[in-house]
């Protein structure tokens, strides 16, 4: 009868040797991984350097005319930027229109804010969109935006952009006259304005003249509203109003645009 114990012993020895070799290989691989991680050679976390650019046109713009912001998101890599979102803050306006380009972008917000979701943007790709508003406040109008992603950004310093647009009123009041300078109770009081167009410098000669005046909550009687070219409003100051404050305005409206001069005078 053949002795099987020797073969069994050899088989067990071979199995043990293979297992030991596998343990050595695993230990070497683990040590190599630990060394590479310690020296910055391990598994790299995805990153994407997003940059945002913002321009305005035209600048300056007339009050109530269209102002277009162009926003460009650039992925400078090295990886795809996931879940890219852009948020914009806009000057006071009467509502805005968003054109997101292709592929389409989902946007939502209010008159002065909008948030858009771009989804993923691959390395080297750009996404451009425009926002069109009609400013309703003259002066310096500031628009700003920021971009973010769920992917790590190695340089967040270029994730924001801002532009300032000069918003010009269509008209300017170049002269204001009133009389008497300090009204008395029971007297007549007038105020007149001379209005010119900002684009041509010409006197505004057509439109609607608007006059308002109150003492407290009580409206003051308007005696006369003179039309162009020199709009004038004439009131009679009520008796018994000495020491009180007369508050009012004179304005003009032409071609859908308006300008108003407000005043407050203490009655003698």
C-alpha atoms as a PDB file:
ATOM      1  CA  UNK A   1       0.000   0.000   0.000  1.00  0.00           C
ATOM      2  CA  UNK A   2       1.436   3.353  -1.061  1.00  0.00           C
ATOM      3  CA  UNK A   3       2.395   5.886   1.628  1.00  0.00           C
ATOM      4  CA  UNK A   4       0.163   8.927   1.030  1.00  0.00           C
ATOM      5  CA  UNK A   5       1.372  10.854   4.062  1.00  0.00           C
ATOM      6  CA  UNK A   6       4.486  12.060   2.265  1.00  0.00           C
ATOM      7  CA  UNK A   7       2.416  13.514  -0.619  1.00  0.00           C
ATOM      8  CA  UNK A   8       0.079  15.127   1.803  1.00  0.00           C
ATOM      9  CA  UNK A   9       3.003  16.679   3.661  1.00  0.00           C
ATOM     10  CA  UNK A  10       4.477  18.048   0.427  1.00  0.00           C
ATOM     11  CA  UNK A  11       1.060  19.439  -0.623  1.00  0.00           C
ATOM     12  CA  UNK A  12       0.607  21.235   2.701  1.00  0.00           C
ATOM     13  CA  UNK A  13       4.120  22.621   2.539  1.00  0.00           C
ATOM     14  CA  UNK A  14       3.536  23.972  -0.977  1.00  0.00           C
ATOM     15  CA  UNK A  15       0.287  25.616   0.080  1.00  0.00           C
ATOM     16  CA  UNK A  16       2.005  27.241   3.037  1.00  0.00           C
ATOM     17  CA  UNK A  17       4.804  28.524   0.787  1.00  0.00           C
ATOM     18  CA  UNK A  18       2.335  30.055  -1.692  1.00  0.00           C
ATOM     19  CA  UNK A  19       0.407  31.729   1.115  1.00  0.00           C
ATOM     20  CA  UNK A  20       3.601  33.181   2.561  1.00  0.00           C
ATOM     21  CA  UNK A  21       4.600  34.542  -0.840  1.00  0.00           C
ATOM     22  CA  UNK A  22       1.184  36.163  -1.263  1.00  0.00           C
ATOM     23  CA  UNK A  23       1.528  37.764   2.159  1.00  0.00           C
ATOM     24  CA  UNK A  24       4.932  39.130   1.209  1.00  0.00           C
ATOM     25  CA  UNK A  25       3.592  40.553  -2.078  1.00  0.00           C
ATOM     26  CA  UNK A  26       0.667  42.177  -0.268  1.00  0.00           C
ATOM     27  CA  UNK A  27       2.972  43.639   2.354  1.00  0.00           C
ATOM     28  CA  UNK A  28       5.279  45.062  -0.313  1.00  0.00           C
ATOM     29  CA  UNK A  29       2.334  46.557  -2.213  1.00  0.00           C
ATOM     30  CA  UNK A  30       0.916  48.064   0.977  1.00  0.00           C
ATOM     31  CA  UNK A  31       4.283  49.528   1.877  1.00  0.00           C
ATOM     32  CA  UNK A  32       4.630  50.969  -1.630  1.00  0.00           C
ATOM     33  CA  UNK A  33       1.171  52.538  -1.406  1.00  0.00           C
ATOM     34  CA  UNK A  34       1.946  54.051   1.992  1.00  0.00           C
ATOM     35  CA  UNK A  35       5.221  55.431   0.635  1.00  0.00           C
ATOM     36  CA  UNK A  36       3.572  56.918  -2.467  1.00  0.00           C
ATOM     37  CA  UNK A  37       0.795  58.562  -0.433  1.00  0.00           C
ATOM     38  CA  UNK A  38       3.352  59.956   2.003  1.00  0.00           C
ATOM     39  CA  UNK A  39       5.265  61.445  -0.926  1.00  0.00           C
ATOM     40  CA  UNK A  40       2.195  62.834  -2.721  1.00  0.00           C
ATOM     41  CA  UNK A  41       2.041  60.024  -5.278  1.00  0.00           C
ATOM     42  CA  UNK A  42      -1.177  58.412  -4.132  1.00  0.00           C
ATOM     43  CA  UNK A  43      -4.652  58.451  -5.677  1.00  0.00           C
ATOM     44  CA  UNK A  44      -5.300  62.057  -6.880  1.00  0.00           C
ATOM     45  CA  UNK A  45      -8.494  63.850  -5.880  1.00  0.00           C
ATOM     46  CA  UNK A  46     -10.309  65.249  -8.940  1.00  0.00           C
ATOM     47  CA  UNK A  47     -10.013  69.023  -9.291  1.00  0.00           C
ATOM     48  CA  UNK A  48     -11.211  71.655 -11.747  1.00  0.00           C
ATOM     49  CA  UNK A  49     -10.115  75.285 -11.895  1.00  0.00           C
ATOM     50  CA  UNK A  50     -13.247  77.260 -12.779  1.00  0.00           C
ATOM     51  CA  UNK A  51     -12.911  80.867 -13.910  1.00  0.00           C
ATOM     52  CA  UNK A  52     -15.692  83.425 -14.440  1.00  0.00           C
ATOM     53  CA  UNK A  53     -15.688  86.413 -16.781  1.00  0.00           C
ATOM     54  CA  UNK A  54     -18.381  89.136 -16.897  1.00  0.00           C
ATOM     55  CA  UNK A  55     -18.863  92.036 -19.341  1.00  0.00           C
ATOM     56  CA  UNK A  56     -21.559  94.691 -19.820  1.00  0.00           C
ATOM     57  CA  UNK A  57     -22.895  96.409 -22.932  1.00  0.00           C
ATOM     58  CA  UNK A  58     -23.559  99.217 -23.568  1.00  0.00           C
ATOM     59  CA  UNK A  59     -21.718 101.265 -20.986  1.00  0.00           C
ATOM     60  CA  UNK A  60     -22.962 103.884 -20.306  1.00  0.00           C
ATOM     61  CA  UNK A  61     -26.613 102.967 -20.794  1.00  0.00           C
ATOM     62  CA  UNK A  62     -29.671 105.189 -20.631  1.00  0.00           C
ATOM     63  CA  UNK A  63     -32.143 104.658 -17.818  1.00  0.00           C
ATOM     64  CA  UNK A  64     -34.814 102.183 -18.970  1.00  0.00           C
ATOM     65  CA  UNK A  65     -32.868 100.946 -22.008  1.00  0.00           C
ATOM     66  CA  UNK A  66     -31.574  97.392 -22.383  1.00  0.00           C
ATOM     67  CA  UNK A  67     -28.341  96.464 -20.616  1.00  0.00           C
ATOM     68  CA  UNK A  68     -26.759  93.103 -21.485  1.00  0.00           C
ATOM     69  CA  UNK A  69     -24.443  91.155 -19.192  1.00  0.00           C
ATOM     70  CA  UNK A  70     -22.394  88.381 -20.816  1.00  0.00           C
ATOM     71  CA  UNK A  71     -21.075  85.736 -18.422  1.00  0.00           C
ATOM     72  CA  UNK A  72     -18.548  83.075 -19.444  1.00  0.00           C
ATOM     73  CA  UNK A  73     -17.608  80.093 -17.266  1.00  0.00           C
ATOM     74  CA  UNK A  74     -14.295  78.442 -18.192  1.00  0.00           C
ATOM     75  CA  UNK A  75     -13.052  75.088 -16.880  1.00  0.00           C
ATOM     76  CA  UNK A  76      -9.252  75.230 -16.912  1.00  0.00           C
ATOM     77  CA  UNK A  77      -9.019  71.625 -15.769  1.00  0.00           C
ATOM     78  CA  UNK A  78      -7.512  69.234 -15.207  1.00  0.00           C
ATOM     79  CA  UNK A  79     -10.773  67.340 -14.559  1.00  0.00           C
ATOM     80  CA  UNK A  80     -14.473  67.711 -15.224  1.00  0.00           C
ATOM     81  CA  UNK A  81     -16.252  70.151 -12.908  1.00  0.00           C
ATOM     82  CA  UNK A  82     -19.409  68.541 -11.591  1.00  0.00           C
ATOM     83  CA  UNK A  83     -22.645  70.306 -10.602  1.00  0.00           C
ATOM     84  CA  UNK A  84     -21.536  73.782 -11.706  1.00  0.00           C
ATOM     85  CA  UNK A  85     -23.724  76.629 -10.410  1.00  0.00           C
ATOM     86  CA  UNK A  86     -23.565  80.357 -11.091  1.00  0.00           C
ATOM     87  CA  UNK A  87     -25.285  83.066  -9.022  1.00  0.00           C
ATOM     88  CA  UNK A  88     -25.647  86.676 -10.227  1.00  0.00           C
ATOM     89  CA  UNK A  89     -26.662  89.867  -8.424  1.00  0.00           C
ATOM     90  CA  UNK A  90     -28.186  92.593 -10.621  1.00  0.00           C
ATOM     91  CA  UNK A  91     -28.933  96.335 -10.244  1.00  0.00           C
ATOM     92  CA  UNK A  92     -32.563  97.383  -9.619  1.00  0.00           C
ATOM     93  CA  UNK A  93     -34.547  96.631 -12.771  1.00  0.00           C
ATOM     94  CA  UNK A  94     -37.998  95.864 -14.056  1.00  0.00           C
ATOM     95  CA  UNK A  95     -37.301  92.186 -14.706  1.00  0.00           C
ATOM     96  CA  UNK A  96     -34.627  90.374 -16.681  1.00  0.00           C
ATOM     97  CA  UNK A  97     -34.288  87.912 -19.553  1.00  0.00           C
ATOM     98  CA  UNK A  98     -31.782  85.037 -19.486  1.00  0.00           C
ATOM     99  CA  UNK A  99     -30.350  83.394 -22.610  1.00  0.00           C
ATOM    100  CA  UNK A 100     -28.424  80.298 -21.569  1.00  0.00           C
ATOM    101  CA  UNK A 101     -27.031  79.195 -24.925  1.00  0.00           C
ATOM    102  CA  UNK A 102     -26.466  75.520 -25.733  1.00  0.00           C
ATOM    103  CA  UNK A 103     -26.862  73.186 -23.955  1.00  0.00           C
ATOM    104  CA  UNK A 104     -29.685  74.956 -22.116  1.00  0.00           C
ATOM    105  CA  UNK A 105     -29.209  76.030 -18.521  1.00  0.00           C
ATOM    106  CA  UNK A 106     -31.826  75.953 -15.763  1.00  0.00           C
ATOM    107  CA  UNK A 107     -32.174  79.366 -14.108  1.00  0.00           C
ATOM    108  CA  UNK A 108     -34.402  80.861 -11.421  1.00  0.00           C
ATOM    109  CA  UNK A 109     -34.473  83.960  -9.237  1.00  0.00           C
ATOM    110  CA  UNK A 110     -35.938  87.415  -8.706  1.00  0.00           C
ATOM    111  CA  UNK A 111     -35.608  90.783 -10.458  1.00  0.00           C
ATOM    112  CA  UNK A 112     -32.233  91.418  -8.832  1.00  0.00           C
ATOM    113  CA  UNK A 113     -30.850  87.873  -8.453  1.00  0.00           C
ATOM    114  CA  UNK A 114     -30.590  84.794 -10.632  1.00  0.00           C
ATOM    115  CA  UNK A 115     -29.099  81.343 -10.078  1.00  0.00           C
ATOM    116  CA  UNK A 116     -28.262  78.999 -12.951  1.00  0.00           C
ATOM    117  CA  UNK A 117     -27.286  75.307 -12.941  1.00  0.00           C
ATOM    118  CA  UNK A 118     -24.903  74.241 -15.708  1.00  0.00           C
ATOM    119  CA  UNK A 119     -24.404  70.617 -14.678  1.00  0.00           C
ATOM    120  CA  UNK A 120     -20.970  69.142 -15.535  1.00  0.00           C
ATOM    121  CA  UNK A 121     -18.418  71.136 -17.554  1.00  0.00           C
ATOM    122  CA  UNK A 122     -15.539  69.139 -19.009  1.00  0.00           C
ATOM    123  CA  UNK A 123     -11.927  70.258 -18.831  1.00  0.00           C
ATOM    124  CA  UNK A 124     -11.184  72.935 -21.437  1.00  0.00           C
ATOM    125  CA  UNK A 125     -14.858  73.661 -22.100  1.00  0.00           C
ATOM    126  CA  UNK A 126     -16.669  76.997 -21.689  1.00  0.00           C
ATOM    127  CA  UNK A 127     -20.284  77.940 -21.118  1.00  0.00           C
ATOM    128  CA  UNK A 128     -21.622  81.384 -22.026  1.00  0.00           C
ATOM    129  CA  UNK A 129     -24.920  83.003 -21.136  1.00  0.00           C
ATOM    130  CA  UNK A 130     -26.442  86.484 -21.243  1.00  0.00           C
ATOM    131  CA  UNK A 131     -28.717  88.381 -18.875  1.00  0.00           C
ATOM    132  CA  UNK A 132     -30.639  91.380 -20.219  1.00  0.00           C
ATOM    133  CA  UNK A 133     -32.124  93.969 -17.854  1.00  0.00           C
ATOM    134  CA  UNK A 134     -33.613  97.460 -18.040  1.00  0.00           C
ATOM    135  CA  UNK A 135     -32.076  99.569 -15.213  1.00  0.00           C
ATOM    136  CA  UNK A 136     -34.550 101.707 -13.335  1.00  0.00           C
ATOM    137  CA  UNK A 137     -32.160 103.718 -11.183  1.00  0.00           C
ATOM    138  CA  UNK A 138     -29.704 106.282 -12.523  1.00  0.00           C
ATOM    139  CA  UNK A 139     -26.086 106.348 -11.347  1.00  0.00           C
ATOM    140  CA  UNK A 140     -23.519 103.589 -11.017  1.00  0.00           C
ATOM    141  CA  UNK A 141     -25.176 100.177 -11.346  1.00  0.00           C
ATOM    142  CA  UNK A 142     -23.129  97.206 -10.138  1.00  0.00           C
ATOM    143  CA  UNK A 143     -23.587  93.648 -11.383  1.00  0.00           C
ATOM    144  CA  UNK A 144     -21.687  90.707  -9.909  1.00  0.00           C
ATOM    145  CA  UNK A 145     -21.585  86.921 -10.161  1.00  0.00           C
ATOM    146  CA  UNK A 146     -19.912  83.870  -8.628  1.00  0.00           C
ATOM    147  CA  UNK A 147     -19.433  80.303  -9.866  1.00  0.00           C
ATOM    148  CA  UNK A 148     -19.011  77.115  -7.845  1.00  0.00           C
ATOM    149  CA  UNK A 149     -18.820  73.349  -8.293  1.00  0.00           C
ATOM    150  CA  UNK A 150     -18.980  70.188  -6.214  1.00  0.00           C
ATOM    151  CA  UNK A 151     -15.508  69.370  -7.574  1.00  0.00           C
ATOM    152  CA  UNK A 152     -12.563  70.819  -5.665  1.00  0.00           C
ATOM    153  CA  UNK A 153     -11.312  74.088  -7.155  1.00  0.00           C
ATOM    154  CA  UNK A 154      -7.544  74.623  -6.686  1.00  0.00           C
ATOM    155  CA  UNK A 155      -7.822  78.373  -7.361  1.00  0.00           C
ATOM    156  CA  UNK A 156     -11.063  79.947  -6.047  1.00  0.00           C
ATOM    157  CA  UNK A 157      -9.687  83.476  -6.549  1.00  0.00           C
ATOM    158  CA  UNK A 158     -11.063  83.594 -10.119  1.00  0.00           C
ATOM    159  CA  UNK A 159     -14.551  82.375  -9.241  1.00  0.00           C
ATOM    160  CA  UNK A 160     -16.091  85.859  -8.970  1.00  0.00           C
ATOM    161  CA  UNK A 161     -16.557  88.773 -11.368  1.00  0.00           C
ATOM    162  CA  UNK A 162     -18.026  92.270 -11.089  1.00  0.00           C
ATOM    163  CA  UNK A 163     -18.784  95.120 -13.487  1.00  0.00           C
ATOM    164  CA  UNK A 164     -20.078  98.641 -12.850  1.00  0.00           C
ATOM    165  CA  UNK A 165     -22.216 100.330 -15.495  1.00  0.00           C
ATOM    166  CA  UNK A 166     -22.966 104.020 -15.701  1.00  0.00           C
ATOM    167  CA  UNK A 167     -26.744 104.452 -15.966  1.00  0.00           C
ATOM    168  CA  UNK A 168     -27.629 107.873 -17.328  1.00  0.00           C
ATOM    169  CA  UNK A 169     -30.985 109.518 -16.771  1.00  0.00           C
ATOM    170  CA  UNK A 170     -32.575 110.596 -20.074  1.00  0.00           C
ATOM    171  CA  UNK A 171     -33.201 114.119 -18.738  1.00  0.00           C
ATOM    172  CA  UNK A 172     -31.504 116.669 -16.503  1.00  0.00           C
ATOM    173  CA  UNK A 173     -33.052 119.588 -14.634  1.00  0.00           C
ATOM    174  CA  UNK A 174     -30.715 122.469 -15.392  1.00  0.00           C
ATOM    175  CA  UNK A 175     -32.598 125.206 -13.593  1.00  0.00           C
ATOM    176  CA  UNK A 176     -35.109 125.426 -10.708  1.00  0.00           C
ATOM    177  CA  UNK A 177     -37.009 128.580  -9.793  1.00  0.00           C
ATOM    178  CA  UNK A 178     -39.436 129.120  -6.950  1.00  0.00           C
ATOM    179  CA  UNK A 179     -41.211 131.995  -5.319  1.00  0.00           C
ATOM    180  CA  UNK A 180     -41.387 133.202  -2.770  1.00  0.00           C
ATOM    181  CA  UNK A 181     -38.212 131.618  -1.433  1.00  0.00           C
ATOM    182  CA  UNK A 182     -39.887 131.040   1.914  1.00  0.00           C
ATOM    183  CA  UNK A 183     -43.684 130.810   1.529  1.00  0.00           C
ATOM    184  CA  UNK A 184     -46.129 132.276   4.041  1.00  0.00           C
ATOM    185  CA  UNK A 185     -49.480 130.853   5.061  1.00  0.00           C
ATOM    186  CA  UNK A 186     -52.204 132.180   2.739  1.00  0.00           C
ATOM    187  CA  UNK A 187     -49.741 133.089  -0.067  1.00  0.00           C
ATOM    188  CA  UNK A 188     -49.385 131.662  -3.512  1.00  0.00           C
ATOM    189  CA  UNK A 189     -46.265 129.575  -4.146  1.00  0.00           C
ATOM    190  CA  UNK A 190     -44.814 128.402  -7.442  1.00  0.00           C
ATOM    191  CA  UNK A 191     -41.933 126.205  -8.559  1.00  0.00           C
ATOM    192  CA  UNK A 192     -40.667 125.831 -12.135  1.00  0.00           C
ATOM    193  CA  UNK A 193     -38.033 123.638 -13.808  1.00  0.00           C
ATOM    194  CA  UNK A 194     -36.066 123.726 -17.035  1.00  0.00           C
ATOM    195  CA  UNK A 195     -35.433 120.215 -18.411  1.00  0.00           C
ATOM    196  CA  UNK A 196     -33.016 119.190 -21.181  1.00  0.00           C
ATOM    197  CA  UNK A 197     -32.277 115.909 -22.916  1.00  0.00           C
ATOM    198  CA  UNK A 198     -28.989 114.313 -21.907  1.00  0.00           C
ATOM    199  CA  UNK A 199     -28.260 112.905 -25.360  1.00  0.00           C
ATOM    200  CA  UNK A 200     -28.705 116.149 -27.340  1.00  0.00           C
ATOM    201  CA  UNK A 201     -28.782 118.919 -24.717  1.00  0.00           C
ATOM    202  CA  UNK A 202     -32.017 120.221 -26.233  1.00  0.00           C
ATOM    203  CA  UNK A 203     -34.844 121.547 -24.094  1.00  0.00           C
ATOM    204  CA  UNK A 204     -37.671 119.073 -23.575  1.00  0.00           C
ATOM    205  CA  UNK A 205     -40.744 120.707 -25.093  1.00  0.00           C
ATOM    206  CA  UNK A 206     -43.374 117.962 -25.018  1.00  0.00           C
ATOM    207  CA  UNK A 207     -44.724 115.718 -22.310  1.00  0.00           C
ATOM    208  CA  UNK A 208     -46.801 115.723 -19.166  1.00  0.00           C
ATOM    209  CA  UNK A 209     -46.214 117.987 -16.170  1.00  0.00           C
ATOM    210  CA  UNK A 210     -46.930 116.493 -12.743  1.00  0.00           C
ATOM    211  CA  UNK A 211     -47.425 118.547  -9.552  1.00  0.00           C
ATOM    212  CA  UNK A 212     -47.938 117.358  -5.972  1.00  0.00           C
ATOM    213  CA  UNK A 213     -47.858 119.174  -2.596  1.00  0.00           C
ATOM    214  CA  UNK A 214     -48.927 118.247   0.930  1.00  0.00           C
ATOM    215  CA  UNK A 215     -48.795 119.566   4.461  1.00  0.00           C
ATOM    216  CA  UNK A 216     -48.770 116.463   6.583  1.00  0.00           C
ATOM    217  CA  UNK A 217     -51.376 114.246   4.950  1.00  0.00           C
ATOM    218  CA  UNK A 218     -53.412 117.134   3.592  1.00  0.00           C
ATOM    219  CA  UNK A 219     -53.085 117.921  -0.109  1.00  0.00           C
ATOM    220  CA  UNK A 220     -52.444 121.573  -1.003  1.00  0.00           C
ATOM    221  CA  UNK A 221     -54.717 123.065  -3.627  1.00  0.00           C
ATOM    222  CA  UNK A 222     -53.118 123.320  -7.063  1.00  0.00           C
ATOM    223  CA  UNK A 223     -54.017 126.581  -8.826  1.00  0.00           C
ATOM    224  CA  UNK A 224     -52.070 126.197 -12.064  1.00  0.00           C
ATOM    225  CA  UNK A 225     -50.093 123.617 -13.996  1.00  0.00           C
ATOM    226  CA  UNK A 226     -48.209 125.271 -16.846  1.00  0.00           C
ATOM    227  CA  UNK A 227     -46.991 123.130 -19.769  1.00  0.00           C
ATOM    228  CA  UNK A 228     -43.700 123.145 -21.635  1.00  0.00           C
ATOM    229  CA  UNK A 229     -41.189 124.538 -22.418  1.00  0.00           C
ATOM    230  CA  UNK A 230     -40.959 125.695 -18.766  1.00  0.00           C
ATOM    231  CA  UNK A 231     -43.123 123.455 -16.586  1.00  0.00           C
ATOM    232  CA  UNK A 232     -44.519 125.367 -13.605  1.00  0.00           C
ATOM    233  CA  UNK A 233     -46.787 124.461 -10.702  1.00  0.00           C
ATOM    234  CA  UNK A 234     -48.652 127.056  -8.604  1.00  0.00           C
ATOM    235  CA  UNK A 235     -50.273 126.370  -5.241  1.00  0.00           C
ATOM    236  CA  UNK A 236     -51.938 128.434  -2.512  1.00  0.00           C
ATOM    237  CA  UNK A 237     -50.573 127.788   0.961  1.00  0.00           C
ATOM    238  CA  UNK A 238     -53.469 127.219   3.391  1.00  0.00           C
ATOM    239  CA  UNK A 239     -54.080 129.672   6.218  1.00  0.00           C
ATOM    240  CA  UNK A 240     -53.195 128.321   9.616  1.00  0.00           C
ATOM    241  CA  UNK A 241     -50.205 126.339   8.350  1.00  0.00           C
ATOM    242  CA  UNK A 242     -47.440 128.555   9.765  1.00  0.00           C
ATOM    243  CA  UNK A 243     -44.549 126.543  11.160  1.00  0.00           C
ATOM    244  CA  UNK A 244     -45.491 123.443   9.239  1.00  0.00           C
ATOM    245  CA  UNK A 245     -43.561 121.835   6.370  1.00  0.00           C
ATOM    246  CA  UNK A 246     -44.716 121.907   2.774  1.00  0.00           C
ATOM    247  CA  UNK A 247     -43.558 118.801   0.920  1.00  0.00           C
ATOM    248  CA  UNK A 248     -44.093 118.218  -2.767  1.00  0.00           C
ATOM    249  CA  UNK A 249     -42.675 117.557  -6.198  1.00  0.00           C
ATOM    250  CA  UNK A 250     -42.715 118.790  -9.746  1.00  0.00           C
ATOM    251  CA  UNK A 251     -41.936 116.385 -12.538  1.00  0.00           C
ATOM    252  CA  UNK A 252     -42.230 115.747 -16.204  1.00  0.00           C
ATOM    253  CA  UNK A 253     -42.807 112.631 -18.232  1.00  0.00           C
ATOM    254  CA  UNK A 254     -41.971 112.301 -21.918  1.00  0.00           C
ATOM    255  CA  UNK A 255     -41.563 109.300 -24.197  1.00  0.00           C
ATOM    256  CA  UNK A 256     -41.976 106.844 -21.351  1.00  0.00           C
ATOM    257  CA  UNK A 257     -39.146 108.514 -19.368  1.00  0.00           C
ATOM    258  CA  UNK A 258     -39.564 110.782 -16.351  1.00  0.00           C
ATOM    259  CA  UNK A 259     -37.684 113.095 -14.025  1.00  0.00           C
ATOM    260  CA  UNK A 260     -38.849 114.520 -10.680  1.00  0.00           C
ATOM    261  CA  UNK A 261     -37.691 117.331  -8.415  1.00  0.00           C
ATOM    262  CA  UNK A 262     -38.799 117.020  -4.777  1.00  0.00           C
ATOM    263  CA  UNK A 263     -38.828 119.811  -2.200  1.00  0.00           C
ATOM    264  CA  UNK A 264     -39.540 120.440   1.470  1.00  0.00           C
ATOM    265  CA  UNK A 265     -40.014 123.992   2.794  1.00  0.00           C
ATOM    266  CA  UNK A 266     -40.976 125.346   6.211  1.00  0.00           C
ATOM    267  CA  UNK A 267     -43.917 127.750   6.033  1.00  0.00           C
ATOM    268  CA  UNK A 268     -43.601 131.096   7.813  1.00  0.00           C
END
